[in-house]
Amino acid sequence: MYFALAALRAGPLHGHAISQSIRELSGGRGRPSVGTLYGILERLNERGVITVDREEVVNGRNRRYFRITDEGQALVEAEARRMQAAASLVLRLSGT
């Protein structure tokens, strides 16, 4: 969920582009299957943190572009701050 929202901070993207961005942002560790990705996108859309920006037909196939909402932007920023604070705590406790 986090990487999908982070990917959309750059602007509206379609599913395949979101998947590629997730791989890049996660250093190759995040590789959601098509079904998993679209399930995530559907749940994020239902929660109102992303929305459908537009749809177009490419090579006879429907391509849906998603964009992050203000609520989604706030959520991903809050999660980034939470992860940063957690990492700082661990590093501080380990003396690094």
N, C-alpha and C. Protein backbone atom coordinates (compact mmCIF):
# COMPACT_ATOMS: atom_id res chain seq x y z
N MET A 1 0.82 -1.18 0.00
CA MET A 1 0.00 0.00 0.00
C MET A 1 0.87 1.26 0.00
N TYR A 2 1.87 1.29 0.88
CA TYR A 2 2.73 2.47 1.00
C TYR A 2 3.40 2.80 -0.33
N PHE A 3 4.00 1.80 -0.98
CA PHE A 3 4.71 2.06 -2.22
C PHE A 3 3.77 2.44 -3.35
N ALA A 4 2.56 1.92 -3.36
CA ALA A 4 1.58 2.31 -4.38
C ALA A 4 1.23 3.79 -4.21
N LEU A 5 1.00 4.21 -2.98
CA LEU A 5 0.72 5.63 -2.74
C LEU A 5 1.94 6.49 -3.07
N ALA A 6 3.12 6.03 -2.68
CA ALA A 6 4.34 6.79 -2.96
C ALA A 6 4.54 6.94 -4.47
N ALA A 7 4.23 5.90 -5.23
CA ALA A 7 4.37 5.97 -6.69
C ALA A 7 3.48 7.04 -7.28
N LEU A 8 2.29 7.18 -6.73
CA LEU A 8 1.33 8.14 -7.29
C LEU A 8 1.62 9.58 -6.90
N ARG A 9 2.57 9.82 -6.04
CA ARG A 9 2.94 11.19 -5.69
C ARG A 9 3.51 11.93 -6.89
N ALA A 10 4.07 11.19 -7.85
CA ALA A 10 4.66 11.82 -9.04
C ALA A 10 3.60 12.25 -10.05
N GLY A 11 2.38 11.78 -9.88
CA GLY A 11 1.30 12.11 -10.81
C GLY A 11 0.52 10.87 -11.18
N PRO A 12 -0.57 11.04 -11.94
CA PRO A 12 -1.42 9.91 -12.31
C PRO A 12 -0.64 8.84 -13.08
N LEU A 13 -0.89 7.58 -12.73
CA LEU A 13 -0.25 6.44 -13.39
C LEU A 13 -1.26 5.34 -13.61
N HIS A 14 -1.01 4.50 -14.60
CA HIS A 14 -1.84 3.32 -14.81
C HIS A 14 -1.19 2.15 -14.08
N GLY A 15 -1.91 1.05 -13.98
CA GLY A 15 -1.47 -0.09 -13.17
C GLY A 15 -0.07 -0.59 -13.46
N HIS A 16 0.26 -0.79 -14.72
CA HIS A 16 1.59 -1.30 -15.06
C HIS A 16 2.68 -0.32 -14.62
N ALA A 17 2.45 0.97 -14.82
CA ALA A 17 3.44 1.97 -14.41
C ALA A 17 3.57 2.01 -12.88
N ILE A 18 2.45 1.82 -12.18
CA ILE A 18 2.51 1.77 -10.71
C ILE A 18 3.35 0.58 -10.28
N SER A 19 3.14 -0.57 -10.91
CA SER A 19 3.91 -1.78 -10.59
C SER A 19 5.40 -1.55 -10.80
N GLN A 20 5.77 -0.94 -11.92
CA GLN A 20 7.18 -0.64 -12.20
C GLN A 20 7.75 0.31 -11.15
N SER A 21 6.98 1.32 -10.78
CA SER A 21 7.43 2.28 -9.78
C SER A 21 7.62 1.62 -8.42
N ILE A 22 6.71 0.71 -8.07
CA ILE A 22 6.85 -0.03 -6.80
C ILE A 22 8.16 -0.80 -6.79
N ARG A 23 8.48 -1.46 -7.89
CA ARG A 23 9.75 -2.20 -7.97
C ARG A 23 10.94 -1.27 -7.77
N GLU A 24 10.89 -0.12 -8.42
CA GLU A 24 12.00 0.84 -8.31
C GLU A 24 12.11 1.40 -6.89
N LEU A 25 10.97 1.85 -6.33
CA LEU A 25 10.99 2.45 -4.99
C LEU A 25 11.41 1.46 -3.91
N SER A 26 11.11 0.18 -4.11
CA SER A 26 11.43 -0.84 -3.10
C SER A 26 12.76 -1.52 -3.36
N GLY A 27 13.52 -1.03 -4.33
CA GLY A 27 14.80 -1.64 -4.65
C GLY A 27 14.65 -3.06 -5.18
N GLY A 28 13.54 -3.32 -5.85
CA GLY A 28 13.29 -4.64 -6.43
C GLY A 28 12.63 -5.62 -5.49
N ARG A 29 12.43 -5.24 -4.25
CA ARG A 29 11.83 -6.17 -3.27
C ARG A 29 10.32 -6.27 -3.44
N GLY A 30 9.68 -5.19 -3.88
CA GLY A 30 8.22 -5.20 -4.07
C GLY A 30 7.88 -5.57 -5.50
N ARG A 31 7.24 -6.70 -5.69
CA ARG A 31 6.84 -7.16 -7.02
C ARG A 31 5.43 -7.73 -6.94
N PRO A 32 4.44 -6.85 -6.77
CA PRO A 32 3.07 -7.37 -6.63
C PRO A 32 2.58 -7.99 -7.93
N SER A 33 1.85 -9.10 -7.80
CA SER A 33 1.22 -9.69 -8.98
C SER A 33 0.13 -8.73 -9.46
N VAL A 34 -0.32 -8.94 -10.68
CA VAL A 34 -1.36 -8.08 -11.24
C VAL A 34 -2.61 -8.10 -10.36
N GLY A 35 -3.02 -9.29 -9.94
CA GLY A 35 -4.21 -9.42 -9.11
C GLY A 35 -4.05 -8.73 -7.76
N THR A 36 -2.89 -8.88 -7.16
CA THR A 36 -2.62 -8.23 -5.88
C THR A 36 -2.62 -6.72 -6.03
N LEU A 37 -1.95 -6.22 -7.07
CA LEU A 37 -1.88 -4.78 -7.28
C LEU A 37 -3.27 -4.18 -7.47
N TYR A 38 -4.08 -4.80 -8.33
CA TYR A 38 -5.40 -4.23 -8.58
C TYR A 38 -6.31 -4.36 -7.36
N GLY A 39 -6.10 -5.37 -6.53
CA GLY A 39 -6.82 -5.45 -5.26
C GLY A 39 -6.44 -4.31 -4.34
N ILE A 40 -5.14 -4.01 -4.28
CA ILE A 40 -4.66 -2.88 -3.46
C ILE A 40 -5.25 -1.58 -3.98
N LEU A 41 -5.20 -1.38 -5.30
CA LEU A 41 -5.72 -0.14 -5.88
C LEU A 41 -7.22 0.01 -5.63
N GLU A 42 -7.95 -1.09 -5.71
CA GLU A 42 -9.39 -1.04 -5.45
C GLU A 42 -9.67 -0.64 -4.00
N ARG A 43 -8.92 -1.23 -3.06
CA ARG A 43 -9.11 -0.89 -1.64
C ARG A 43 -8.73 0.56 -1.36
N LEU A 44 -7.64 1.03 -1.95
CA LEU A 44 -7.24 2.42 -1.76
C LEU A 44 -8.28 3.37 -2.34
N ASN A 45 -8.85 3.00 -3.48
CA ASN A 45 -9.90 3.80 -4.10
C ASN A 45 -11.14 3.84 -3.20
N GLU A 46 -11.52 2.70 -2.65
CA GLU A 46 -12.68 2.64 -1.76
C GLU A 46 -12.47 3.48 -0.51
N ARG A 47 -11.23 3.56 -0.03
CA ARG A 47 -10.90 4.36 1.16
C ARG A 47 -10.81 5.85 0.85
N GLY A 48 -10.77 6.19 -0.42
CA GLY A 48 -10.71 7.59 -0.81
C GLY A 48 -9.32 8.18 -0.81
N VAL A 49 -8.28 7.34 -0.75
CA VAL A 49 -6.92 7.87 -0.74
C VAL A 49 -6.32 7.93 -2.14
N ILE A 50 -6.97 7.24 -3.09
CA ILE A 50 -6.67 7.44 -4.51
C ILE A 50 -8.02 7.53 -5.23
N THR A 51 -7.97 8.00 -6.45
CA THR A 51 -9.19 8.08 -7.26
C THR A 51 -8.82 7.83 -8.71
N VAL A 52 -9.79 7.45 -9.50
CA VAL A 52 -9.54 7.27 -10.93
C VAL A 52 -9.42 8.65 -11.56
N ASP A 53 -8.32 8.88 -12.22
CA ASP A 53 -8.06 10.16 -12.87
C ASP A 53 -8.70 10.20 -14.26
N ARG A 54 -8.50 9.11 -15.00
CA ARG A 54 -9.08 9.00 -16.34
C ARG A 54 -8.94 7.57 -16.83
N GLU A 55 -9.64 7.27 -17.90
CA GLU A 55 -9.53 5.97 -18.56
C GLU A 55 -9.35 6.20 -20.05
N GLU A 56 -8.59 5.32 -20.67
CA GLU A 56 -8.41 5.39 -22.12
C GLU A 56 -8.26 3.97 -22.65
N VAL A 57 -8.48 3.81 -23.93
CA VAL A 57 -8.32 2.51 -24.57
C VAL A 57 -6.99 2.52 -25.33
N VAL A 58 -6.15 1.55 -25.03
CA VAL A 58 -4.85 1.42 -25.69
C VAL A 58 -4.75 0.00 -26.24
N ASN A 59 -4.57 -0.10 -27.53
CA ASN A 59 -4.51 -1.42 -28.19
C ASN A 59 -5.72 -2.28 -27.85
N GLY A 60 -6.87 -1.66 -27.81
CA GLY A 60 -8.10 -2.39 -27.55
C GLY A 60 -8.34 -2.75 -26.09
N ARG A 61 -7.48 -2.30 -25.21
CA ARG A 61 -7.61 -2.61 -23.78
C ARG A 61 -7.84 -1.33 -23.00
N ASN A 62 -8.69 -1.43 -21.99
CA ASN A 62 -8.98 -0.28 -21.15
C ASN A 62 -7.80 -0.04 -20.20
N ARG A 63 -7.34 1.19 -20.15
CA ARG A 63 -6.25 1.56 -19.24
C ARG A 63 -6.79 2.63 -18.30
N ARG A 64 -6.74 2.33 -17.01
CA ARG A 64 -7.24 3.24 -15.98
C ARG A 64 -6.06 3.89 -15.26
N TYR A 65 -6.10 5.20 -15.20
CA TYR A 65 -5.07 5.98 -14.50
C TYR A 65 -5.61 6.38 -13.13
N PHE A 66 -4.77 6.24 -12.13
CA PHE A 66 -5.14 6.61 -10.76
C PHE A 66 -4.30 7.80 -10.33
N ARG A 67 -4.87 8.60 -9.42
CA ARG A 67 -4.10 9.69 -8.81
C ARG A 67 -4.35 9.67 -7.31
N ILE A 68 -3.39 10.18 -6.58
CA ILE A 68 -3.49 10.24 -5.13
C ILE A 68 -4.36 11.44 -4.75
N THR A 69 -5.16 11.29 -3.70
CA THR A 69 -5.98 12.39 -3.21
C THR A 69 -5.22 13.13 -2.10
N ASP A 70 -5.75 14.24 -1.66
CA ASP A 70 -5.13 14.96 -0.54
C ASP A 70 -5.04 14.07 0.69
N GLU A 71 -6.09 13.28 0.93
CA GLU A 71 -6.09 12.36 2.08
C GLU A 71 -4.99 11.30 1.91
N GLY A 72 -4.82 10.81 0.70
CA GLY A 72 -3.76 9.83 0.43
C GLY A 72 -2.38 10.44 0.61
N GLN A 73 -2.23 11.68 0.17
CA GLN A 73 -0.95 12.37 0.34
C GLN A 73 -0.62 12.50 1.83
N ALA A 74 -1.59 12.89 2.62
CA ALA A 74 -1.38 13.02 4.06
C ALA A 74 -1.03 11.66 4.68
N LEU A 75 -1.70 10.61 4.22
CA LEU A 75 -1.47 9.26 4.75
C LEU A 75 -0.05 8.79 4.44
N VAL A 76 0.40 8.94 3.21
CA VAL A 76 1.73 8.45 2.84
C VAL A 76 2.82 9.28 3.53
N GLU A 77 2.60 10.57 3.70
CA GLU A 77 3.57 11.39 4.41
C GLU A 77 3.64 11.01 5.89
N ALA A 78 2.49 10.76 6.50
CA ALA A 78 2.47 10.34 7.90
C ALA A 78 3.18 9.00 8.08
N GLU A 79 2.96 8.09 7.15
CA GLU A 79 3.62 6.78 7.23
C GLU A 79 5.13 6.92 7.04
N ALA A 80 5.56 7.81 6.16
CA ALA A 80 6.99 8.04 5.97
C ALA A 80 7.62 8.59 7.24
N ARG A 81 6.92 9.53 7.88
CA ARG A 81 7.44 10.08 9.15
C ARG A 81 7.49 9.01 10.23
N ARG A 82 6.47 8.14 10.28
CA ARG A 82 6.44 7.07 11.27
C ARG A 82 7.60 6.11 11.07
N MET A 83 7.86 5.73 9.80
CA MET A 83 8.96 4.82 9.52
C MET A 83 10.31 5.46 9.82
N GLN A 84 10.42 6.75 9.51
CA GLN A 84 11.67 7.47 9.79
C GLN A 84 11.93 7.52 11.30
N ALA A 85 10.89 7.79 12.08
CA ALA A 85 11.04 7.84 13.54
C ALA A 85 11.41 6.47 14.09
N ALA A 86 10.80 5.41 13.56
CA ALA A 86 11.11 4.05 14.01
C ALA A 86 12.56 3.70 13.69
N ALA A 87 13.02 4.04 12.49
CA ALA A 87 14.40 3.75 12.10
C ALA A 87 15.38 4.54 12.96
N SER A 88 15.06 5.80 13.24
CA SER A 88 15.93 6.62 14.09
C SER A 88 16.05 6.04 15.48
N LEU A 89 14.96 5.55 16.01
CA LEU A 89 14.96 4.94 17.34
C LEU A 89 15.87 3.72 17.37
N VAL A 90 15.75 2.86 16.38
CA VAL A 90 16.55 1.64 16.32
C VAL A 90 18.03 2.02 16.21
N LEU A 91 18.35 2.96 15.34
CA LEU A 91 19.74 3.36 15.18
C LEU A 91 20.28 4.02 16.43
N ARG A 92 19.47 4.82 17.09
CA ARG A 92 19.90 5.46 18.33
C ARG A 92 20.15 4.42 19.41
N LEU A 93 19.28 3.45 19.52
CA LEU A 93 19.43 2.41 20.55
C LEU A 93 20.61 1.49 20.27
N SER A 94 20.97 1.35 19.01
CA SER A 94 22.10 0.47 18.67
C SER A 94 23.43 1.23 18.66
N GLY A 95 23.36 2.56 18.88
CA GLY A 95 24.56 3.36 18.95
C GLY A 95 25.12 3.74 17.58
N THR A 96 24.32 3.57 16.55
CA THR A 96 24.78 3.91 15.20
C THR A 96 24.44 5.33 14.85
